[in-house]
Amino acid sequence: MELIQLRLRNGANLHIRNAGDARMTLVRCADCGREISEQATACPECGRPLQERSSATATSGAWAGRPYFYEYKSQIILFGLPLIHVMLGPTWLVGFRPARGIIAVGNIAVGFAAFGGVAMGVVAFGGISLGILCVGGMALALGLGAGGIATGYWAVGGIAIGVYALGGLGIGAHTLQNDPNLLRILGAPPSSSR
């Protein structure tokens, strides 16, 4: 196998390996320095995308290779926001750009109904969710919060903090530990005393 090395104008080295009739051009990853095929869509070591985005793919949000980034905005506008806005992709590529819409889906989502890693809205579902009705790993709600750590007027979770708190650790005015009527309020059948 013969190795041909070329020096490019930008100072980078281009390596071509000749294995009979098949030629494979190698380039160095800008992040980790590993030699990889120029036909690869991403570095197998660190995951950095290798193909540049053209202006046509930049508007559609699609990559020439694997879909690392996706954005969709509906044409329907309500209250100055798109009806649906989806913004997905790794943070190193997308940055901290939130999806903003009536229905928002993304790493960071802000909308009436928000779904994402960090979700903020009237109804929010996410790892960290903030709003009136929240479900997530950490649910910070004004109304109903449900999750591992939940706060709100009604809170349900492993750690629940609220006026009505139901959880492994319930902190509030009405919990299973300090309010015997809470089960009745929740509609549980009365326990039989013997």
N, C-alpha and C. Protein backbone atom coordinates (compact mmCIF):
# COMPACT_ATOMS: atom_id res chain seq x y z
N MET A 1 0.85 -1.17 0.00
CA MET A 1 0.00 0.00 0.00
C MET A 1 0.90 1.24 0.00
N GLU A 2 0.67 2.12 -0.93
CA GLU A 2 1.48 3.31 -1.11
C GLU A 2 0.76 4.51 -0.48
N LEU A 3 1.51 5.37 0.22
CA LEU A 3 0.95 6.55 0.86
C LEU A 3 1.51 7.78 0.15
N ILE A 4 0.62 8.60 -0.38
CA ILE A 4 1.00 9.84 -1.06
C ILE A 4 0.56 10.99 -0.16
N GLN A 5 1.47 11.93 0.11
CA GLN A 5 1.15 13.06 0.97
C GLN A 5 1.24 14.34 0.15
N LEU A 6 0.18 15.15 0.19
CA LEU A 6 0.15 16.43 -0.50
C LEU A 6 -0.04 17.54 0.51
N ARG A 7 0.59 18.67 0.31
CA ARG A 7 0.43 19.82 1.20
C ARG A 7 -0.51 20.81 0.52
N LEU A 8 -1.62 21.13 1.19
CA LEU A 8 -2.61 22.05 0.63
C LEU A 8 -2.22 23.50 0.93
N ARG A 9 -2.87 24.43 0.22
CA ARG A 9 -2.56 25.85 0.39
C ARG A 9 -2.83 26.35 1.80
N ASN A 10 -3.83 25.78 2.46
CA ASN A 10 -4.16 26.23 3.82
C ASN A 10 -3.24 25.62 4.88
N GLY A 11 -2.24 24.85 4.44
CA GLY A 11 -1.27 24.28 5.36
C GLY A 11 -1.60 22.88 5.83
N ALA A 12 -2.79 22.39 5.48
CA ALA A 12 -3.17 21.05 5.91
C ALA A 12 -2.52 20.01 5.02
N ASN A 13 -2.29 18.85 5.58
CA ASN A 13 -1.74 17.74 4.81
C ASN A 13 -2.87 16.86 4.31
N LEU A 14 -2.80 16.47 3.05
CA LEU A 14 -3.76 15.58 2.45
C LEU A 14 -3.05 14.29 2.14
N HIS A 15 -3.57 13.18 2.64
CA HIS A 15 -2.95 11.88 2.44
C HIS A 15 -3.83 11.04 1.53
N ILE A 16 -3.24 10.39 0.56
CA ILE A 16 -3.95 9.49 -0.33
C ILE A 16 -3.28 8.14 -0.22
N ARG A 17 -4.05 7.12 0.13
CA ARG A 17 -3.52 5.77 0.19
C ARG A 17 -3.92 5.04 -1.07
N ASN A 18 -2.98 4.43 -1.71
CA ASN A 18 -3.23 3.70 -2.93
C ASN A 18 -3.21 2.21 -2.61
N ALA A 19 -4.36 1.58 -2.66
CA ALA A 19 -4.46 0.14 -2.41
C ALA A 19 -4.93 -0.50 -3.71
N GLY A 20 -4.03 -0.65 -4.65
CA GLY A 20 -4.40 -1.19 -5.96
C GLY A 20 -5.15 -0.15 -6.75
N ASP A 21 -6.34 -0.50 -7.20
CA ASP A 21 -7.14 0.44 -7.98
C ASP A 21 -7.98 1.36 -7.10
N ALA A 22 -8.20 0.97 -5.87
CA ALA A 22 -9.04 1.78 -4.98
C ALA A 22 -8.19 2.83 -4.28
N ARG A 23 -8.62 4.08 -4.34
CA ARG A 23 -7.92 5.17 -3.66
C ARG A 23 -8.83 5.75 -2.61
N MET A 24 -8.25 6.02 -1.46
CA MET A 24 -9.00 6.62 -0.37
C MET A 24 -8.25 7.87 0.07
N THR A 25 -8.93 9.02 0.03
CA THR A 25 -8.33 10.27 0.45
C THR A 25 -8.60 10.47 1.93
N LEU A 26 -7.54 10.81 2.68
CA LEU A 26 -7.67 11.02 4.11
C LEU A 26 -7.48 12.49 4.44
N VAL A 27 -8.26 12.95 5.39
CA VAL A 27 -8.12 14.31 5.91
C VAL A 27 -8.04 14.21 7.42
N ARG A 28 -7.56 15.27 8.05
CA ARG A 28 -7.46 15.30 9.51
C ARG A 28 -8.67 16.03 10.07
N CYS A 29 -9.21 15.46 11.13
CA CYS A 29 -10.32 16.10 11.84
C CYS A 29 -9.79 17.36 12.53
N ALA A 30 -10.52 18.46 12.40
CA ALA A 30 -10.08 19.72 12.99
C ALA A 30 -10.12 19.69 14.52
N ASP A 31 -10.97 18.83 15.10
CA ASP A 31 -11.09 18.78 16.56
C ASP A 31 -10.08 17.84 17.20
N CYS A 32 -10.06 16.58 16.74
CA CYS A 32 -9.23 15.59 17.43
C CYS A 32 -7.96 15.21 16.66
N GLY A 33 -7.85 15.59 15.39
CA GLY A 33 -6.64 15.33 14.61
C GLY A 33 -6.56 13.93 14.02
N ARG A 34 -7.59 13.11 14.17
CA ARG A 34 -7.56 11.76 13.63
C ARG A 34 -7.68 11.80 12.11
N GLU A 35 -6.95 10.91 11.42
CA GLU A 35 -7.06 10.79 9.97
C GLU A 35 -8.30 9.99 9.63
N ILE A 36 -9.15 10.58 8.77
CA ILE A 36 -10.38 9.91 8.37
C ILE A 36 -10.63 10.12 6.89
N SER A 37 -11.47 9.30 6.31
CA SER A 37 -11.80 9.40 4.89
C SER A 37 -12.54 10.70 4.63
N GLU A 38 -12.26 11.32 3.48
CA GLU A 38 -12.96 12.55 3.14
C GLU A 38 -14.42 12.28 2.79
N GLN A 39 -14.78 11.03 2.57
CA GLN A 39 -16.16 10.69 2.26
C GLN A 39 -16.99 10.49 3.53
N ALA A 40 -16.35 10.47 4.68
CA ALA A 40 -17.08 10.31 5.93
C ALA A 40 -17.92 11.54 6.21
N THR A 41 -19.08 11.35 6.80
CA THR A 41 -19.93 12.49 7.15
C THR A 41 -19.56 13.08 8.51
N ALA A 42 -18.90 12.25 9.35
CA ALA A 42 -18.51 12.73 10.68
C ALA A 42 -17.28 11.95 11.13
N CYS A 43 -16.53 12.55 12.03
CA CYS A 43 -15.36 11.89 12.59
C CYS A 43 -15.82 10.77 13.52
N PRO A 44 -15.32 9.54 13.32
CA PRO A 44 -15.75 8.46 14.20
C PRO A 44 -15.20 8.59 15.62
N GLU A 45 -14.16 9.40 15.81
CA GLU A 45 -13.55 9.58 17.14
C GLU A 45 -14.35 10.56 17.99
N CYS A 46 -14.60 11.77 17.44
CA CYS A 46 -15.24 12.81 18.25
C CYS A 46 -16.64 13.20 17.77
N GLY A 47 -17.06 12.76 16.58
CA GLY A 47 -18.40 13.05 16.10
C GLY A 47 -18.57 14.34 15.35
N ARG A 48 -17.50 15.11 15.15
CA ARG A 48 -17.60 16.39 14.45
C ARG A 48 -18.01 16.15 12.99
N PRO A 49 -19.03 16.88 12.49
CA PRO A 49 -19.42 16.71 11.09
C PRO A 49 -18.32 17.23 10.17
N LEU A 50 -18.11 16.53 9.07
CA LEU A 50 -17.02 16.89 8.18
C LEU A 50 -17.49 17.59 6.92
N GLN A 51 -18.73 17.39 6.53
CA GLN A 51 -19.19 18.01 5.30
C GLN A 51 -19.74 19.38 5.62
N GLU A 52 -19.31 20.35 4.84
CA GLU A 52 -19.79 21.72 5.03
C GLU A 52 -21.22 21.82 4.54
N ARG A 53 -21.97 22.73 5.12
CA ARG A 53 -23.35 22.93 4.71
C ARG A 53 -23.39 23.89 3.54
N SER A 54 -24.12 23.53 2.52
CA SER A 54 -24.30 24.43 1.39
C SER A 54 -25.45 25.37 1.72
N SER A 55 -25.65 26.41 0.90
CA SER A 55 -26.72 27.35 1.16
C SER A 55 -28.09 26.68 1.01
N ALA A 56 -28.19 25.68 0.13
CA ALA A 56 -29.46 24.98 -0.04
C ALA A 56 -29.80 24.16 1.20
N THR A 57 -28.81 23.49 1.76
CA THR A 57 -29.08 22.68 2.96
C THR A 57 -29.19 23.56 4.19
N ALA A 58 -28.60 24.72 4.18
CA ALA A 58 -28.70 25.60 5.35
C ALA A 58 -30.13 26.07 5.56
N THR A 59 -30.86 26.33 4.46
CA THR A 59 -32.24 26.79 4.61
C THR A 59 -33.16 25.65 4.98
N SER A 60 -32.88 24.43 4.50
CA SER A 60 -33.75 23.31 4.83
C SER A 60 -33.41 22.72 6.19
N GLY A 61 -32.19 22.96 6.68
CA GLY A 61 -31.79 22.44 7.97
C GLY A 61 -31.23 21.03 7.90
N ALA A 62 -31.08 20.47 6.70
CA ALA A 62 -30.59 19.11 6.57
C ALA A 62 -29.10 19.12 6.20
N TRP A 63 -28.38 18.11 6.64
CA TRP A 63 -26.98 17.95 6.28
C TRP A 63 -26.90 17.10 5.04
N ALA A 64 -25.78 17.20 4.33
CA ALA A 64 -25.58 16.39 3.13
C ALA A 64 -25.46 14.92 3.51
N GLY A 65 -24.92 14.63 4.69
CA GLY A 65 -24.76 13.25 5.14
C GLY A 65 -25.85 12.89 6.12
N ARG A 66 -25.45 12.49 7.32
CA ARG A 66 -26.42 12.15 8.36
C ARG A 66 -27.12 13.42 8.85
N PRO A 67 -28.37 13.33 9.28
CA PRO A 67 -29.10 14.52 9.74
C PRO A 67 -28.71 14.90 11.16
N TYR A 68 -27.70 15.76 11.29
CA TYR A 68 -27.25 16.21 12.62
C TYR A 68 -28.13 17.31 13.17
N PHE A 69 -28.83 18.01 12.30
CA PHE A 69 -29.54 19.21 12.69
C PHE A 69 -30.86 19.22 11.96
N TYR A 70 -31.92 19.60 12.66
CA TYR A 70 -33.22 19.67 12.01
C TYR A 70 -33.97 20.86 12.57
N GLU A 71 -34.54 21.66 11.69
CA GLU A 71 -35.38 22.78 12.10
C GLU A 71 -36.59 22.83 11.19
N TYR A 72 -37.74 23.01 11.81
CA TYR A 72 -38.99 23.15 11.06
C TYR A 72 -39.79 24.26 11.71
N LYS A 73 -40.28 25.18 10.89
CA LYS A 73 -41.20 26.23 11.34
C LYS A 73 -42.41 26.18 10.44
N SER A 74 -43.58 26.08 11.03
CA SER A 74 -44.79 26.07 10.22
C SER A 74 -45.04 27.47 9.67
N GLN A 75 -45.75 27.54 8.58
CA GLN A 75 -46.07 28.82 7.94
C GLN A 75 -47.21 29.54 8.66
N ILE A 76 -47.96 28.82 9.48
CA ILE A 76 -49.09 29.40 10.20
C ILE A 76 -48.56 30.15 11.42
N ILE A 77 -48.89 31.43 11.53
CA ILE A 77 -48.42 32.28 12.62
C ILE A 77 -49.62 32.67 13.50
N LEU A 78 -49.50 32.44 14.80
CA LEU A 78 -50.51 32.85 15.77
C LEU A 78 -49.83 33.65 16.88
N PHE A 79 -50.34 34.80 17.20
CA PHE A 79 -49.78 35.66 18.25
C PHE A 79 -48.30 35.94 18.01
N GLY A 80 -47.89 36.05 16.77
CA GLY A 80 -46.50 36.35 16.43
C GLY A 80 -45.56 35.16 16.52
N LEU A 81 -46.08 33.96 16.78
CA LEU A 81 -45.26 32.75 16.88
C LEU A 81 -45.73 31.73 15.85
N PRO A 82 -44.80 30.91 15.34
CA PRO A 82 -45.25 29.83 14.46
C PRO A 82 -46.08 28.82 15.24
N LEU A 83 -47.03 28.19 14.55
CA LEU A 83 -47.86 27.19 15.22
C LEU A 83 -46.99 26.06 15.76
N ILE A 84 -46.04 25.58 14.94
CA ILE A 84 -45.12 24.51 15.35
C ILE A 84 -43.69 24.96 15.02
N HIS A 85 -42.79 24.83 15.97
CA HIS A 85 -41.37 25.08 15.74
C HIS A 85 -40.58 23.93 16.35
N VAL A 86 -39.80 23.26 15.51
CA VAL A 86 -38.97 22.15 15.95
C VAL A 86 -37.52 22.55 15.69
N MET A 87 -36.67 22.45 16.70
CA MET A 87 -35.25 22.77 16.58
C MET A 87 -34.48 21.67 17.31
N LEU A 88 -33.90 20.75 16.54
CA LEU A 88 -33.20 19.62 17.14
C LEU A 88 -31.77 19.54 16.62
N GLY A 89 -30.87 19.14 17.46
CA GLY A 89 -29.47 18.97 17.08
C GLY A 89 -28.58 19.13 18.28
N PRO A 90 -27.33 18.69 18.17
CA PRO A 90 -26.42 18.83 19.30
C PRO A 90 -26.10 20.29 19.58
N THR A 91 -25.85 20.60 20.83
CA THR A 91 -25.60 21.98 21.24
C THR A 91 -24.38 22.57 20.54
N TRP A 92 -23.34 21.76 20.28
CA TRP A 92 -22.15 22.29 19.64
C TRP A 92 -22.43 22.70 18.20
N LEU A 93 -23.53 22.20 17.62
CA LEU A 93 -23.87 22.56 16.26
C LEU A 93 -24.97 23.62 16.22
N VAL A 94 -26.02 23.42 17.01
CA VAL A 94 -27.17 24.32 17.02
C VAL A 94 -26.91 25.53 17.91
N GLY A 95 -26.11 25.34 18.96
CA GLY A 95 -25.95 26.39 19.95
C GLY A 95 -27.12 26.35 20.90
N PHE A 96 -27.34 27.39 21.65
CA PHE A 96 -28.44 27.43 22.59
C PHE A 96 -29.62 28.19 21.98
N ARG A 97 -29.98 27.83 20.77
CA ARG A 97 -31.12 28.45 20.09
C ARG A 97 -32.39 27.70 20.47
N PRO A 98 -33.32 28.34 21.15
CA PRO A 98 -34.53 27.63 21.56
C PRO A 98 -35.54 27.52 20.42
N ALA A 99 -36.38 26.50 20.50
CA ALA A 99 -37.55 26.40 19.62
C ALA A 99 -38.62 27.26 20.26
N ARG A 100 -39.17 28.21 19.49
CA ARG A 100 -40.20 29.12 20.01
C ARG A 100 -41.42 29.01 19.13
N GLY A 101 -42.53 28.57 19.70
CA GLY A 101 -43.76 28.44 18.94
C GLY A 101 -44.91 28.10 19.86
N ILE A 102 -46.12 28.06 19.29
CA ILE A 102 -47.27 27.63 20.08
C ILE A 102 -47.00 26.21 20.57
N ILE A 103 -46.54 25.34 19.66
CA ILE A 103 -46.05 24.01 20.03
C ILE A 103 -44.56 24.03 19.72
N ALA A 104 -43.72 23.87 20.73
CA ALA A 104 -42.27 23.96 20.56
C ALA A 104 -41.62 22.65 20.98
N VAL A 105 -40.72 22.16 20.12
CA VAL A 105 -39.99 20.93 20.39
C VAL A 105 -38.51 21.20 20.14
N GLY A 106 -37.67 20.93 21.13
CA GLY A 106 -36.25 21.15 20.92
C GLY A 106 -35.44 20.92 22.18
N ASN A 107 -34.12 21.10 22.03
CA ASN A 107 -33.25 21.00 23.20
C ASN A 107 -33.72 21.98 24.26
N ILE A 108 -34.02 23.19 23.82
CA ILE A 108 -34.63 24.22 24.67
C ILE A 108 -35.92 24.61 23.96
N ALA A 109 -37.06 24.50 24.63
CA ALA A 109 -38.35 24.76 23.99
C ALA A 109 -39.15 25.76 24.81
N VAL A 110 -39.68 26.78 24.12
CA VAL A 110 -40.49 27.81 24.77
C VAL A 110 -41.77 27.95 23.96
N GLY A 111 -42.93 27.72 24.59
CA GLY A 111 -44.19 27.84 23.87
C GLY A 111 -45.37 27.51 24.76
N PHE A 112 -46.56 27.54 24.16
CA PHE A 112 -47.77 27.17 24.90
C PHE A 112 -47.65 25.72 25.36
N ALA A 113 -47.29 24.83 24.44
CA ALA A 113 -46.98 23.43 24.77
C ALA A 113 -45.52 23.22 24.39
N ALA A 114 -44.67 22.93 25.36
CA ALA A 114 -43.23 22.83 25.12
C ALA A 114 -42.73 21.44 25.49
N PHE A 115 -41.93 20.86 24.59
CA PHE A 115 -41.35 19.53 24.79
C PHE A 115 -39.86 19.64 24.54
N GLY A 116 -39.02 19.34 25.55
CA GLY A 116 -37.58 19.43 25.32
C GLY A 116 -36.77 19.14 26.55
N GLY A 117 -35.46 19.23 26.38
CA GLY A 117 -34.55 19.04 27.51
C GLY A 117 -34.85 20.06 28.59
N VAL A 118 -34.97 21.32 28.19
CA VAL A 118 -35.44 22.40 29.05
C VAL A 118 -36.70 22.93 28.38
N ALA A 119 -37.84 22.80 29.03
CA ALA A 119 -39.12 23.19 28.44
C ALA A 119 -39.80 24.23 29.30
N MET A 120 -40.24 25.33 28.66
CA MET A 120 -40.94 26.40 29.37
C MET A 120 -42.21 26.71 28.62
N GLY A 121 -43.35 26.61 29.32
CA GLY A 121 -44.63 26.90 28.67
C GLY A 121 -45.78 26.68 29.62
N VAL A 122 -46.98 26.92 29.11
CA VAL A 122 -48.17 26.67 29.92
C VAL A 122 -48.22 25.18 30.27
N VAL A 123 -47.98 24.33 29.26
CA VAL A 123 -47.85 22.90 29.46
C VAL A 123 -46.43 22.54 29.05
N ALA A 124 -45.64 21.98 29.94
CA ALA A 124 -44.24 21.71 29.66
C ALA A 124 -43.86 20.28 30.03
N PHE A 125 -43.20 19.61 29.09
CA PHE A 125 -42.70 18.25 29.30
C PHE A 125 -41.22 18.27 28.99
N GLY A 126 -40.36 17.93 29.97
CA GLY A 126 -38.93 17.94 29.69
C GLY A 126 -38.10 17.52 30.88
N GLY A 127 -36.81 17.45 30.64
CA GLY A 127 -35.88 17.13 31.73
C GLY A 127 -36.03 18.13 32.85
N ILE A 128 -36.02 19.40 32.48
CA ILE A 128 -36.32 20.50 33.41
C ILE A 128 -37.49 21.23 32.78
N SER A 129 -38.62 21.27 33.48
CA SER A 129 -39.80 21.92 32.90
C SER A 129 -40.32 23.00 33.84
N LEU A 130 -40.72 24.12 33.24
CA LEU A 130 -41.26 25.26 33.98
C LEU A 130 -42.57 25.68 33.35
N GLY A 131 -43.61 25.90 34.16
CA GLY A 131 -44.89 26.34 33.61
C GLY A 131 -46.03 26.13 34.59
N ILE A 132 -47.24 26.06 34.03
CA ILE A 132 -48.43 25.87 34.86
C ILE A 132 -48.67 24.38 35.12
N LEU A 133 -48.58 23.57 34.05
CA LEU A 133 -48.69 22.12 34.16
C LEU A 133 -47.37 21.54 33.65
N CYS A 134 -46.62 20.89 34.53
CA CYS A 134 -45.28 20.42 34.17
C CYS A 134 -45.09 18.96 34.50
N VAL A 135 -44.41 18.26 33.60
CA VAL A 135 -44.02 16.88 33.83
C VAL A 135 -42.55 16.80 33.42
N GLY A 136 -41.70 16.27 34.31
CA GLY A 136 -40.30 16.15 33.95
C GLY A 136 -39.45 15.67 35.10
N GLY A 137 -38.17 15.52 34.82
CA GLY A 137 -37.24 15.13 35.87
C GLY A 137 -37.28 16.12 37.02
N MET A 138 -37.28 17.40 36.66
CA MET A 138 -37.47 18.48 37.63
C MET A 138 -38.61 19.33 37.10
N ALA A 139 -39.75 19.29 37.76
CA ALA A 139 -40.93 20.00 37.32
C ALA A 139 -41.20 21.17 38.26
N LEU A 140 -41.05 22.37 37.76
CA LEU A 140 -41.27 23.58 38.55
C LEU A 140 -42.55 24.23 38.03
N ALA A 141 -43.67 23.96 38.70
CA ALA A 141 -44.97 24.37 38.20
C ALA A 141 -45.66 25.34 39.14
N LEU A 142 -46.55 26.13 38.57
CA LEU A 142 -47.44 26.96 39.38
C LEU A 142 -48.69 26.18 39.76
N GLY A 143 -49.13 25.27 38.88
CA GLY A 143 -50.33 24.48 39.13
C GLY A 143 -49.97 23.07 39.54
N LEU A 144 -49.88 22.16 38.55
CA LEU A 144 -49.60 20.76 38.81
C LEU A 144 -48.19 20.43 38.32
N GLY A 145 -47.37 19.91 39.23
CA GLY A 145 -46.02 19.48 38.87
C GLY A 145 -45.85 18.01 39.18
N ALA A 146 -45.35 17.25 38.21
CA ALA A 146 -45.14 15.82 38.41
C ALA A 146 -43.75 15.47 37.90
N GLY A 147 -42.96 14.81 38.73
CA GLY A 147 -41.63 14.42 38.29
C GLY A 147 -40.78 13.95 39.46
N GLY A 148 -39.52 13.70 39.17
CA GLY A 148 -38.60 13.28 40.22
C GLY A 148 -38.55 14.28 41.36
N ILE A 149 -38.38 15.55 40.99
CA ILE A 149 -38.48 16.66 41.93
C ILE A 149 -39.60 17.54 41.40
N ALA A 150 -40.65 17.72 42.16
CA ALA A 150 -41.81 18.46 41.67
C ALA A 150 -42.22 19.54 42.65
N THR A 151 -42.52 20.72 42.12
CA THR A 151 -43.08 21.80 42.92
C THR A 151 -44.35 22.28 42.24
N GLY A 152 -45.21 22.88 43.00
CA GLY A 152 -46.44 23.42 42.45
C GLY A 152 -47.54 23.41 43.50
N TYR A 153 -48.69 23.98 43.15
CA TYR A 153 -49.81 23.94 44.08
C TYR A 153 -50.14 22.49 44.38
N TRP A 154 -50.21 21.65 43.33
CA TRP A 154 -50.31 20.21 43.46
C TRP A 154 -49.01 19.63 42.97
N ALA A 155 -48.31 18.88 43.80
CA ALA A 155 -47.01 18.32 43.44
C ALA A 155 -47.01 16.82 43.69
N VAL A 156 -46.57 16.08 42.68
CA VAL A 156 -46.47 14.63 42.77
C VAL A 156 -45.09 14.24 42.31
N GLY A 157 -44.32 13.54 43.15
CA GLY A 157 -42.99 13.13 42.74
C GLY A 157 -42.20 12.51 43.86
N GLY A 158 -40.98 12.12 43.54
CA GLY A 158 -40.09 11.57 44.55
C GLY A 158 -39.90 12.56 45.68
N ILE A 159 -39.60 13.80 45.29
CA ILE A 159 -39.57 14.92 46.23
C ILE A 159 -40.65 15.87 45.76
N ALA A 160 -41.69 16.06 46.55
CA ALA A 160 -42.83 16.89 46.16
C ALA A 160 -42.97 18.05 47.13
N ILE A 161 -42.99 19.27 46.59
CA ILE A 161 -43.11 20.47 47.42
C ILE A 161 -44.29 21.27 46.89
N GLY A 162 -45.34 21.42 47.70
CA GLY A 162 -46.50 22.17 47.27
C GLY A 162 -47.54 22.24 48.36
N VAL A 163 -48.64 22.91 48.09
CA VAL A 163 -49.73 22.97 49.06
C VAL A 163 -50.27 21.55 49.27
N TYR A 164 -50.53 20.85 48.17
CA TYR A 164 -50.88 19.44 48.21
C TYR A 164 -49.67 18.69 47.64
N ALA A 165 -48.99 17.93 48.47
CA ALA A 165 -47.77 17.24 48.05
C ALA A 165 -47.90 15.75 48.28
N LEU A 166 -47.67 14.99 47.24
CA LEU A 166 -47.77 13.54 47.31
C LEU A 166 -46.47 12.97 46.77
N GLY A 167 -45.67 12.35 47.63
CA GLY A 167 -44.41 11.80 47.17
C GLY A 167 -43.64 11.10 48.27
N GLY A 168 -42.50 10.57 47.89
CA GLY A 168 -41.64 9.91 48.86
C GLY A 168 -41.27 10.88 49.97
N LEU A 169 -40.93 12.10 49.60
CA LEU A 169 -40.71 13.17 50.56
C LEU A 169 -41.67 14.28 50.19
N GLY A 170 -42.78 14.37 50.91
CA GLY A 170 -43.78 15.38 50.63
C GLY A 170 -43.65 16.54 51.60
N ILE A 171 -43.49 17.75 51.08
CA ILE A 171 -43.36 18.94 51.91
C ILE A 171 -44.49 19.89 51.52
N GLY A 172 -45.39 20.17 52.45
CA GLY A 172 -46.49 21.06 52.15
C GLY A 172 -47.52 21.06 53.25
N ALA A 173 -48.58 21.85 53.04
CA ALA A 173 -49.64 21.96 54.03
C ALA A 173 -50.46 20.67 54.12
N HIS A 174 -50.62 19.99 52.99
CA HIS A 174 -51.41 18.76 52.95
C HIS A 174 -50.56 17.66 52.33
N THR A 175 -50.07 16.76 53.17
CA THR A 175 -49.29 15.61 52.70
C THR A 175 -49.89 14.36 53.32
N LEU A 176 -49.45 13.20 52.86
CA LEU A 176 -49.94 11.95 53.45
C LEU A 176 -49.54 11.83 54.91
N GLN A 177 -48.43 12.46 55.27
CA GLN A 177 -47.94 12.37 56.64
C GLN A 177 -48.72 13.26 57.60
N ASN A 178 -49.17 14.43 57.15
CA ASN A 178 -49.79 15.36 58.10
C ASN A 178 -51.28 15.60 57.87
N ASP A 179 -51.88 15.03 56.83
CA ASP A 179 -53.30 15.25 56.56
C ASP A 179 -53.99 13.92 56.28
N PRO A 180 -54.69 13.37 57.27
CA PRO A 180 -55.36 12.08 57.05
C PRO A 180 -56.48 12.15 56.02
N ASN A 181 -57.01 13.34 55.75
CA ASN A 181 -58.09 13.48 54.78
C ASN A 181 -57.60 13.57 53.34
N LEU A 182 -56.30 13.61 53.13
CA LEU A 182 -55.77 13.76 51.77
C LEU A 182 -56.16 12.58 50.89
N LEU A 183 -56.12 11.37 51.42
CA LEU A 183 -56.53 10.21 50.63
C LEU A 183 -58.00 10.30 50.24
N ARG A 184 -58.83 10.81 51.13
CA ARG A 184 -60.25 10.99 50.80
C ARG A 184 -60.42 12.05 49.71
N ILE A 185 -59.64 13.13 49.81
CA ILE A 185 -59.69 14.19 48.80
C ILE A 185 -59.27 13.64 47.44
N LEU A 186 -58.27 12.75 47.44
CA LEU A 186 -57.78 12.16 46.19
C LEU A 186 -58.71 11.08 45.66
N GLY A 187 -59.71 10.69 46.43
CA GLY A 187 -60.68 9.70 45.97
C GLY A 187 -60.29 8.28 46.26
N ALA A 188 -59.36 8.04 47.17
CA ALA A 188 -58.97 6.67 47.53
C ALA A 188 -60.04 6.06 48.42
N PRO A 189 -60.27 4.76 48.28
CA PRO A 189 -61.30 4.11 49.13
C PRO A 189 -60.84 4.12 50.59
N PRO A 190 -61.78 4.22 51.50
CA PRO A 190 -61.40 4.24 52.93
C PRO A 190 -60.82 2.88 53.34
N SER A 191 -59.87 2.94 54.24
CA SER A 191 -59.26 1.70 54.72
C SER A 191 -60.18 1.10 55.79
N SER A 192 -60.25 -0.21 55.82
CA SER A 192 -61.10 -0.88 56.82
C SER A 192 -60.34 -1.05 58.12
N SER A 193 -60.95 -0.65 59.22
CA SER A 193 -60.32 -0.77 60.53
C SER A 193 -60.82 -2.05 61.19
N ARG A 194 -59.92 -2.82 61.78
CA ARG A 194 -60.30 -4.05 62.47
C ARG A 194 -59.99 -3.94 63.91
